Amino acid sequence: MTADDIKQSIVEKLKCEFVNILGEDGAHFEGTIVSELFEGLNRVKQHQMVFGTLGDKMKSEIHALSMKTYTPSEWKQLKN
């Protein structure tokens, strides 16, 4: 499992404005995901949406994925 594999799984199933996944050891990853679908959801629900795109990979191929999720407006404020 690579960071690119995880990114591909996320963008195939979740409309995102930005996705960046980092990880060097093939088991531990960190990501930043920006999606309008996160609007009105708390962080737990946002993370559950992302984990849902990965399905069984979270049980077998990915040991850990820490992430930061943002709505487009939150992301814009962060970048300014």
PDB file of N, CA and C in Angstrom:
ATOM      1  N   MET A   1       0.842  -1.170   0.000  1.00  0.00           N
ATOM      2  CA  MET A   1       0.000   0.000   0.000  1.00  0.00           C
ATOM      3  C   MET A   1       0.892   1.240   0.000  1.00  0.00           C
ATOM      4  N   THR A   2       0.601   2.153  -0.898  1.00  0.00           N
ATOM      5  CA  THR A   2       1.363   3.398  -0.971  1.00  0.00           C
ATOM      6  C   THR A   2       0.445   4.584  -0.700  1.00  0.00           C
ATOM      7  N   ALA A   3       1.051   5.726  -0.464  1.00  0.00           N
ATOM      8  CA  ALA A   3       0.281   6.957  -0.270  1.00  0.00           C
ATOM      9  C   ALA A   3      -0.568   7.250  -1.505  1.00  0.00           C
ATOM     10  N   ASP A   4      -0.032   6.997  -2.682  1.00  0.00           N
ATOM     11  CA  ASP A   4      -0.790   7.217  -3.923  1.00  0.00           C
ATOM     12  C   ASP A   4      -1.993   6.289  -4.029  1.00  0.00           C
ATOM     13  N   ASP A   5      -1.847   5.049  -3.561  1.00  0.00           N
ATOM     14  CA  ASP A   5      -2.977   4.107  -3.562  1.00  0.00           C
ATOM     15  C   ASP A   5      -4.112   4.631  -2.679  1.00  0.00           C
ATOM     16  N   ILE A   6      -3.752   5.137  -1.516  1.00  0.00           N
ATOM     17  CA  ILE A   6      -4.759   5.676  -0.601  1.00  0.00           C
ATOM     18  C   ILE A   6      -5.432   6.891  -1.216  1.00  0.00           C
ATOM     19  N   LYS A   7      -4.630   7.786  -1.776  1.00  0.00           N
ATOM     20  CA  LYS A   7      -5.191   8.978  -2.415  1.00  0.00           C
ATOM     21  C   LYS A   7      -6.161   8.579  -3.521  1.00  0.00           C
ATOM     22  N   GLN A   8      -5.779   7.628  -4.331  1.00  0.00           N
ATOM     23  CA  GLN A   8      -6.635   7.170  -5.435  1.00  0.00           C
ATOM     24  C   GLN A   8      -7.965   6.632  -4.914  1.00  0.00           C
ATOM     25  N   SER A   9      -7.922   5.846  -3.855  1.00  0.00           N
ATOM     26  CA  SER A   9      -9.150   5.300  -3.271  1.00  0.00           C
ATOM     27  C   SER A   9     -10.070   6.415  -2.779  1.00  0.00           C
ATOM     28  N   ILE A  10      -9.488   7.432  -2.176  1.00  0.00           N
ATOM     29  CA  ILE A  10     -10.285   8.544  -1.651  1.00  0.00           C
ATOM     30  C   ILE A  10     -10.919   9.344  -2.784  1.00  0.00           C
ATOM     31  N   VAL A  11     -10.122   9.734  -3.781  1.00  0.00           N
ATOM     32  CA  VAL A  11     -10.663  10.597  -4.845  1.00  0.00           C
ATOM     33  C   VAL A  11     -11.647   9.864  -5.750  1.00  0.00           C
ATOM     34  N   GLU A  12     -11.553   8.553  -5.826  1.00  0.00           N
ATOM     35  CA  GLU A  12     -12.514   7.782  -6.626  1.00  0.00           C
ATOM     36  C   GLU A  12     -13.908   7.783  -5.998  1.00  0.00           C
ATOM     37  N   LYS A  13     -13.970   7.898  -4.673  1.00  0.00           N
ATOM     38  CA  LYS A  13     -15.247   7.731  -3.980  1.00  0.00           C
ATOM     39  C   LYS A  13     -15.746   8.969  -3.247  1.00  0.00           C
ATOM     40  N   LEU A  14     -14.932  10.021  -3.201  1.00  0.00           N
ATOM     41  CA  LEU A  14     -15.298  11.214  -2.449  1.00  0.00           C
ATOM     42  C   LEU A  14     -14.908  12.446  -3.253  1.00  0.00           C
ATOM     43  N   LYS A  15     -15.870  13.303  -3.511  1.00  0.00           N
ATOM     44  CA  LYS A  15     -15.579  14.522  -4.254  1.00  0.00           C
ATOM     45  C   LYS A  15     -14.721  15.436  -3.390  1.00  0.00           C
ATOM     46  N   CYS A  16     -13.500  15.672  -3.827  1.00  0.00           N
ATOM     47  CA  CYS A  16     -12.544  16.448  -3.043  1.00  0.00           C
ATOM     48  C   CYS A  16     -11.971  17.596  -3.868  1.00  0.00           C
ATOM     49  N   GLU A  17     -11.692  18.684  -3.184  1.00  0.00           N
ATOM     50  CA  GLU A  17     -10.978  19.792  -3.816  1.00  0.00           C
ATOM     51  C   GLU A  17      -9.470  19.603  -3.700  1.00  0.00           C
ATOM     52  N   PHE A  18      -9.057  18.919  -2.646  1.00  0.00           N
ATOM     53  CA  PHE A  18      -7.629  18.718  -2.404  1.00  0.00           C
ATOM     54  C   PHE A  18      -7.440  17.465  -1.570  1.00  0.00           C
ATOM     55  N   VAL A  19      -6.468  16.649  -1.949  1.00  0.00           N
ATOM     56  CA  VAL A  19      -6.089  15.472  -1.159  1.00  0.00           C
ATOM     57  C   VAL A  19      -4.573  15.348  -1.208  1.00  0.00           C
ATOM     58  N   ASN A  20      -3.967  15.230  -0.040  1.00  0.00           N
ATOM     59  CA  ASN A  20      -2.540  14.986   0.040  1.00  0.00           C
ATOM     60  C   ASN A  20      -2.315  13.900   1.080  1.00  0.00           C
ATOM     61  N   ILE A  21      -1.679  12.818   0.684  1.00  0.00           N
ATOM     62  CA  ILE A  21      -1.394  11.704   1.586  1.00  0.00           C
ATOM     63  C   ILE A  21       0.118  11.497   1.613  1.00  0.00           C
ATOM     64  N   LEU A  22       0.657  11.405   2.812  1.00  0.00           N
ATOM     65  CA  LEU A  22       2.083  11.163   2.990  1.00  0.00           C
ATOM     66  C   LEU A  22       2.277   9.897   3.808  1.00  0.00           C
ATOM     67  N   GLY A  23       3.360   9.190   3.527  1.00  0.00           N
ATOM     68  CA  GLY A  23       3.695   7.986   4.287  1.00  0.00           C
ATOM     69  C   GLY A  23       4.846   7.277   3.627  1.00  0.00           C
ATOM     70  N   GLU A  24       5.822   6.935   4.416  1.00  0.00           N
ATOM     71  CA  GLU A  24       7.034   6.343   3.859  1.00  0.00           C
ATOM     72  C   GLU A  24       7.177   4.847   4.135  1.00  0.00           C
ATOM     73  N   ASP A  25       6.521   4.377   5.195  1.00  0.00           N
ATOM     74  CA  ASP A  25       6.800   2.995   5.604  1.00  0.00           C
ATOM     75  C   ASP A  25       5.791   1.972   5.106  1.00  0.00           C
ATOM     76  N   GLY A  26       4.769   2.420   4.352  1.00  0.00           N
ATOM     77  CA  GLY A  26       3.798   1.490   3.801  1.00  0.00           C
ATOM     78  C   GLY A  26       2.707   1.052   4.764  1.00  0.00           C
ATOM     79  N   ALA A  27       2.722   1.583   5.985  1.00  0.00           N
ATOM     80  CA  ALA A  27       1.704   1.197   6.969  1.00  0.00           C
ATOM     81  C   ALA A  27       1.129   2.385   7.722  1.00  0.00           C
ATOM     82  N   HIS A  28       1.937   3.424   7.931  1.00  0.00           N
ATOM     83  CA  HIS A  28       1.526   4.606   8.678  1.00  0.00           C
ATOM     84  C   HIS A  28       1.469   5.803   7.726  1.00  0.00           C
ATOM     85  N   PHE A  29       0.310   6.447   7.690  1.00  0.00           N
ATOM     86  CA  PHE A  29       0.108   7.540   6.743  1.00  0.00           C
ATOM     87  C   PHE A  29      -0.544   8.727   7.440  1.00  0.00           C
ATOM     88  N   GLU A  30      -0.374   9.897   6.834  1.00  0.00           N
ATOM     89  CA  GLU A  30      -1.095  11.078   7.289  1.00  0.00           C
ATOM     90  C   GLU A  30      -1.619  11.804   6.063  1.00  0.00           C
ATOM     91  N   GLY A  31      -2.767  12.412   6.235  1.00  0.00           N
ATOM     92  CA  GLY A  31      -3.384  13.041   5.078  1.00  0.00           C
ATOM     93  C   GLY A  31      -4.094  14.338   5.400  1.00  0.00           C
ATOM     94  N   THR A  32      -4.281  15.123   4.346  1.00  0.00           N
ATOM     95  CA  THR A  32      -5.085  16.330   4.382  1.00  0.00           C
ATOM     96  C   THR A  32      -6.119  16.190   3.284  1.00  0.00           C
ATOM     97  N   ILE A  33      -7.397  16.333   3.654  1.00  0.00           N
ATOM     98  CA  ILE A  33      -8.487  16.150   2.699  1.00  0.00           C
ATOM     99  C   ILE A  33      -9.433  17.332   2.815  1.00  0.00           C
ATOM    100  N   VAL A  34      -9.758  17.930   1.670  1.00  0.00           N
ATOM    101  CA  VAL A  34     -10.686  19.062   1.616  1.00  0.00           C
ATOM    102  C   VAL A  34     -11.851  18.665   0.722  1.00  0.00           C
ATOM    103  N   SER A  35     -13.074  18.756   1.281  1.00  0.00           N
ATOM    104  CA  SER A  35     -14.252  18.393   0.506  1.00  0.00           C
ATOM    105  C   SER A  35     -15.449  19.224   0.942  1.00  0.00           C
ATOM    106  N   GLU A  36     -16.250  19.629  -0.040  1.00  0.00           N
ATOM    107  CA  GLU A  36     -17.489  20.341   0.271  1.00  0.00           C
ATOM    108  C   GLU A  36     -18.482  19.420   0.970  1.00  0.00           C
ATOM    109  N   LEU A  37     -18.304  18.120   0.816  1.00  0.00           N
ATOM    110  CA  LEU A  37     -19.189  17.154   1.471  1.00  0.00           C
ATOM    111  C   LEU A  37     -19.035  17.159   2.992  1.00  0.00           C
ATOM    112  N   PHE A  38     -17.985  17.792   3.492  1.00  0.00           N
ATOM    113  CA  PHE A  38     -17.763  17.890   4.927  1.00  0.00           C
ATOM    114  C   PHE A  38     -18.588  19.002   5.580  1.00  0.00           C
ATOM    115  N   GLU A  39     -19.192  19.856   4.770  1.00  0.00           N
ATOM    116  CA  GLU A  39     -19.982  20.973   5.305  1.00  0.00           C
ATOM    117  C   GLU A  39     -21.046  20.462   6.269  1.00  0.00           C
ATOM    118  N   GLY A  40     -21.102  21.053   7.451  1.00  0.00           N
ATOM    119  CA  GLY A  40     -22.121  20.714   8.429  1.00  0.00           C
ATOM    120  C   GLY A  40     -21.857  19.453   9.231  1.00  0.00           C
ATOM    121  N   LEU A  41     -20.739  18.789   8.969  1.00  0.00           N
ATOM    122  CA  LEU A  41     -20.400  17.562   9.698  1.00  0.00           C
ATOM    123  C   LEU A  41     -19.287  17.843  10.702  1.00  0.00           C
ATOM    124  N   ASN A  42     -19.350  17.165  11.845  1.00  0.00           N
ATOM    125  CA  ASN A  42     -18.248  17.307  12.791  1.00  0.00           C
ATOM    126  C   ASN A  42     -17.049  16.493  12.293  1.00  0.00           C
ATOM    127  N   ARG A  43     -15.916  16.667  12.947  1.00  0.00           N
ATOM    128  CA  ARG A  43     -14.680  16.000  12.497  1.00  0.00           C
ATOM    129  C   ARG A  43     -14.820  14.477  12.496  1.00  0.00           C
ATOM    130  N   VAL A  44     -15.491  13.933  13.482  1.00  0.00           N
ATOM    131  CA  VAL A  44     -15.647  12.474  13.539  1.00  0.00           C
ATOM    132  C   VAL A  44     -16.381  11.982  12.292  1.00  0.00           C
ATOM    133  N   LYS A  45     -17.467  12.631  11.927  1.00  0.00           N
ATOM    134  CA  LYS A  45     -18.233  12.236  10.742  1.00  0.00           C
ATOM    135  C   LYS A  45     -17.401  12.414   9.478  1.00  0.00           C
ATOM    136  N   GLN A  46     -16.622  13.497   9.412  1.00  0.00           N
ATOM    137  CA  GLN A  46     -15.756  13.717   8.252  1.00  0.00           C
ATOM    138  C   GLN A  46     -14.743  12.589   8.118  1.00  0.00           C
ATOM    139  N   HIS A  47     -14.123  12.217   9.223  1.00  0.00           N
ATOM    140  CA  HIS A  47     -13.124  11.145   9.196  1.00  0.00           C
ATOM    141  C   HIS A  47     -13.777   9.813   8.842  1.00  0.00           C
ATOM    142  N   GLN A  48     -14.982   9.584   9.344  1.00  0.00           N
ATOM    143  CA  GLN A  48     -15.692   8.353   9.001  1.00  0.00           C
ATOM    144  C   GLN A  48     -15.968   8.291   7.504  1.00  0.00           C
ATOM    145  N   MET A  49     -16.281   9.423   6.887  1.00  0.00           N
ATOM    146  CA  MET A  49     -16.493   9.448   5.429  1.00  0.00           C
ATOM    147  C   MET A  49     -15.230   9.011   4.698  1.00  0.00           C
ATOM    148  N   VAL A  50     -14.094   9.541   5.132  1.00  0.00           N
ATOM    149  CA  VAL A  50     -12.821   9.200   4.484  1.00  0.00           C
ATOM    150  C   VAL A  50     -12.502   7.724   4.714  1.00  0.00           C
ATOM    151  N   PHE A  51     -12.620   7.262   5.946  1.00  0.00           N
ATOM    152  CA  PHE A  51     -12.352   5.851   6.234  1.00  0.00           C
ATOM    153  C   PHE A  51     -13.275   4.948   5.414  1.00  0.00           C
ATOM    154  N   GLY A  52     -14.503   5.392   5.188  1.00  0.00           N
ATOM    155  CA  GLY A  52     -15.444   4.625   4.385  1.00  0.00           C
ATOM    156  C   GLY A  52     -14.975   4.423   2.952  1.00  0.00           C
ATOM    157  N   THR A  53     -14.221   5.370   2.421  1.00  0.00           N
ATOM    158  CA  THR A  53     -13.710   5.230   1.057  1.00  0.00           C
ATOM    159  C   THR A  53     -12.616   4.169   0.972  1.00  0.00           C
ATOM    160  N   LEU A  54     -12.018   3.862   2.102  1.00  0.00           N
ATOM    161  CA  LEU A  54     -10.912   2.904   2.122  1.00  0.00           C
ATOM    162  C   LEU A  54     -11.371   1.486   2.425  1.00  0.00           C
ATOM    163  N   GLY A  55     -12.572   1.343   2.952  1.00  0.00           N
ATOM    164  CA  GLY A  55     -13.151   0.023   3.188  1.00  0.00           C
ATOM    165  C   GLY A  55     -12.255  -0.908   3.971  1.00  0.00           C
ATOM    166  N   ASP A  56     -12.118  -2.127   3.480  1.00  0.00           N
ATOM    167  CA  ASP A  56     -11.355  -3.166   4.174  1.00  0.00           C
ATOM    168  C   ASP A  56      -9.854  -2.898   4.214  1.00  0.00           C
ATOM    169  N   LYS A  57      -9.385  -1.948   3.413  1.00  0.00           N
ATOM    170  CA  LYS A  57      -7.946  -1.633   3.445  1.00  0.00           C
ATOM    171  C   LYS A  57      -7.523  -1.167   4.835  1.00  0.00           C
ATOM    172  N   MET A  58      -8.460  -0.512   5.560  1.00  0.00           N
ATOM    173  CA  MET A  58      -8.147  -0.052   6.913  1.00  0.00           C
ATOM    174  C   MET A  58      -7.980  -1.229   7.875  1.00  0.00           C
ATOM    175  N   LYS A  59      -8.531  -2.360   7.550  1.00  0.00           N
ATOM    176  CA  LYS A  59      -8.414  -3.533   8.423  1.00  0.00           C
ATOM    177  C   LYS A  59      -7.172  -4.358   8.125  1.00  0.00           C
ATOM    178  N   SER A  60      -6.703  -4.295   6.885  1.00  0.00           N
ATOM    179  CA  SER A  60      -5.634  -5.209   6.513  1.00  0.00           C
ATOM    180  C   SER A  60      -4.370  -4.535   5.989  1.00  0.00           C
ATOM    181  N   GLU A  61      -4.500  -3.530   5.150  1.00  0.00           N
ATOM    182  CA  GLU A  61      -3.328  -2.974   4.467  1.00  0.00           C
ATOM    183  C   GLU A  61      -2.790  -1.679   5.071  1.00  0.00           C
ATOM    184  N   ILE A  62      -3.642  -0.943   5.772  1.00  0.00           N
ATOM    185  CA  ILE A  62      -3.235   0.333   6.349  1.00  0.00           C
ATOM    186  C   ILE A  62      -3.263   0.194   7.864  1.00  0.00           C
ATOM    187  N   HIS A  63      -2.117   0.355   8.481  1.00  0.00           N
ATOM    188  CA  HIS A  63      -2.073   0.237   9.940  1.00  0.00           C
ATOM    189  C   HIS A  63      -2.639   1.491  10.608  1.00  0.00           C
ATOM    190  N   ALA A  64      -2.267   2.666  10.083  1.00  0.00           N
ATOM    191  CA  ALA A  64      -2.724   3.919  10.690  1.00  0.00           C
ATOM    192  C   ALA A  64      -2.819   5.019   9.644  1.00  0.00           C
ATOM    193  N   LEU A  65      -3.882   5.798   9.737  1.00  0.00           N
ATOM    194  CA  LEU A  65      -4.052   6.973   8.885  1.00  0.00           C
ATOM    195  C   LEU A  65      -4.545   8.108   9.769  1.00  0.00           C
ATOM    196  N   SER A  66      -3.659   9.046  10.046  1.00  0.00           N
ATOM    197  CA  SER A  66      -4.085  10.249  10.756  1.00  0.00           C
ATOM    198  C   SER A  66      -4.392  11.288   9.686  1.00  0.00           C
ATOM    199  N   MET A  67      -5.408  12.097   9.944  1.00  0.00           N
ATOM    200  CA  MET A  67      -5.796  13.043   8.902  1.00  0.00           C
ATOM    201  C   MET A  67      -6.328  14.332   9.479  1.00  0.00           C
ATOM    202  N   LYS A  68      -6.255  15.331   8.643  1.00  0.00           N
ATOM    203  CA  LYS A  68      -6.881  16.619   8.903  1.00  0.00           C
ATOM    204  C   LYS A  68      -7.881  16.824   7.776  1.00  0.00           C
ATOM    205  N   THR A  69      -9.120  17.097   8.149  1.00  0.00           N
ATOM    206  CA  THR A  69     -10.165  17.314   7.153  1.00  0.00           C
ATOM    207  C   THR A  69     -10.669  18.739   7.267  1.00  0.00           C
ATOM    208  N   TYR A  70     -10.985  19.313   6.104  1.00  0.00           N
ATOM    209  CA  TYR A  70     -11.438  20.694   6.052  1.00  0.00           C
ATOM    210  C   TYR A  70     -12.542  20.851   5.025  1.00  0.00           C
ATOM    211  N   THR A  71     -13.436  21.791   5.292  1.00  0.00           N
ATOM    212  CA  THR A  71     -14.359  22.238   4.252  1.00  0.00           C
ATOM    213  C   THR A  71     -13.583  23.218   3.386  1.00  0.00           C
ATOM    214  N   PRO A  72     -14.073  23.524   2.187  1.00  0.00           N
ATOM    215  CA  PRO A  72     -13.369  24.485   1.341  1.00  0.00           C
ATOM    216  C   PRO A  72     -13.182  25.852   2.016  1.00  0.00           C
ATOM    217  N   SER A  73     -14.188  26.317   2.762  1.00  0.00           N
ATOM    218  CA  SER A  73     -14.050  27.618   3.423  1.00  0.00           C
ATOM    219  C   SER A  73     -13.008  27.568   4.541  1.00  0.00           C
ATOM    220  N   GLU A  74     -12.965  26.477   5.297  1.00  0.00           N
ATOM    221  CA  GLU A  74     -11.937  26.327   6.331  1.00  0.00           C
ATOM    222  C   GLU A  74     -10.552  26.288   5.701  1.00  0.00           C
ATOM    223  N   TRP A  75     -10.428  25.576   4.604  1.00  0.00           N
ATOM    224  CA  TRP A  75      -9.147  25.446   3.901  1.00  0.00           C
ATOM    225  C   TRP A  75      -8.686  26.800   3.381  1.00  0.00           C
ATOM    226  N   LYS A  76      -9.617  27.563   2.831  1.00  0.00           N
ATOM    227  CA  LYS A  76      -9.272  28.894   2.308  1.00  0.00           C
ATOM    228  C   LYS A  76      -8.777  29.799   3.424  1.00  0.00           C
ATOM    229  N   GLN A  77      -9.449  29.765   4.578  1.00  0.00           N
ATOM    230  CA  GLN A  77      -9.031  30.583   5.704  1.00  0.00           C
ATOM    231  C   GLN A  77      -7.650  30.150   6.209  1.00  0.00           C
ATOM    232  N   LEU A  78      -7.401  28.870   6.218  1.00  0.00           N
ATOM    233  CA  LEU A  78      -6.124  28.336   6.670  1.00  0.00           C
ATOM    234  C   LEU A  78      -4.981  28.774   5.763  1.00  0.00           C
ATOM    235  N   LYS A  79      -5.251  28.826   4.472  1.00  0.00           N
ATOM    236  CA  LYS A  79      -4.224  29.155   3.475  1.00  0.00           C
ATOM    237  C   LYS A  79      -3.952  30.658   3.392  1.00  0.00           C
ATOM    238  N   ASN A  80      -4.859  31.477   3.924  1.00  0.00           N
ATOM    239  CA  ASN A  80      -4.672  32.951   3.870  1.00  0.00           C
ATOM    240  C   ASN A  80      -3.970  33.446   5.111  1.00  0.00           C
TER     241      ASN A  80
END
